[in-house]
Protein backbone atom coordinates (compact mmCIF):
# COMPACT_ATOMS: atom_id res chain seq x y z
CA UNK A 1 19.63 -56.15 -96.72
CA UNK A 2 18.33 -59.51 -95.50
CA UNK A 3 21.78 -60.55 -94.22
CA UNK A 4 22.23 -57.29 -92.36
CA UNK A 5 18.84 -57.57 -90.69
CA UNK A 6 19.41 -61.20 -89.64
CA UNK A 7 22.90 -60.39 -88.34
CA UNK A 8 21.61 -57.48 -86.30
CA UNK A 9 18.72 -59.50 -84.93
CA UNK A 10 20.87 -62.50 -83.99
CA UNK A 11 23.61 -60.27 -82.60
CA UNK A 12 21.08 -58.50 -80.38
CA UNK A 13 19.69 -61.80 -79.11
CA UNK A 14 23.10 -63.23 -78.27
CA UNK A 15 24.16 -60.01 -76.51
CA UNK A 16 20.99 -59.99 -74.40
CA UNK A 17 21.39 -63.71 -73.68
CA UNK A 18 24.94 -63.13 -72.44
CA UNK A 19 23.80 -60.24 -70.26
CA UNK A 20 20.95 -62.32 -68.82
CA UNK A 21 23.17 -65.33 -68.21
CA UNK A 22 25.77 -63.25 -66.39
CA UNK A 23 23.11 -61.56 -64.25
CA UNK A 24 21.44 -64.87 -63.45
CA UNK A 25 24.78 -66.41 -62.45
CA UNK A 26 25.31 -63.55 -59.97
CA UNK A 27 21.88 -64.18 -58.45
CA UNK A 28 22.57 -67.90 -58.12
CA UNK A 29 25.86 -67.17 -56.35
CA UNK A 30 24.16 -64.69 -54.02
CA UNK A 31 26.25 -61.80 -55.35
CA UNK A 32 23.47 -59.27 -54.93
CA UNK A 33 25.61 -56.14 -54.79
CA UNK A 34 27.48 -57.15 -57.94
CA UNK A 35 24.16 -57.99 -59.60
CA UNK A 36 22.64 -54.60 -58.82
CA UNK A 37 25.81 -52.76 -59.88
CA UNK A 38 25.75 -54.68 -63.17
CA UNK A 39 22.05 -54.65 -64.07
CA UNK A 40 20.86 -51.20 -62.93
CA UNK A 41 23.52 -49.12 -64.74
CA UNK A 42 23.30 -51.33 -67.84
CA UNK A 43 19.55 -50.88 -68.17
CA UNK A 44 19.58 -47.20 -67.14
CA UNK A 45 22.36 -46.30 -69.57
CA UNK A 46 20.71 -48.31 -72.31
CA UNK A 47 17.48 -46.36 -71.88
CA UNK A 48 19.36 -43.08 -71.67
CA UNK A 49 21.18 -43.73 -74.93
CA UNK A 50 17.97 -44.77 -76.69
CA UNK A 51 16.36 -41.52 -75.57
CA UNK A 52 19.39 -39.50 -76.71
CA UNK A 53 19.42 -41.29 -80.05
CA UNK A 54 15.77 -40.52 -80.59
CA UNK A 55 16.38 -36.87 -79.67
CA UNK A 56 19.27 -36.61 -82.12
CA UNK A 57 17.29 -38.32 -84.86
CA UNK A 58 14.45 -35.78 -84.69
């Protein structure tokens, strides 16, 4: 159980770090449209799927 929890935690951190790094690189390059088209749907869909998962789990 410990290994699964650590793997999930570290996997989540590295995924978020990659997402943040990519988004930050777009900002540094002045690619604002690309940034918005990357960040807004990613966050919105993430929240939508969390909500759906919670609905299904009830």
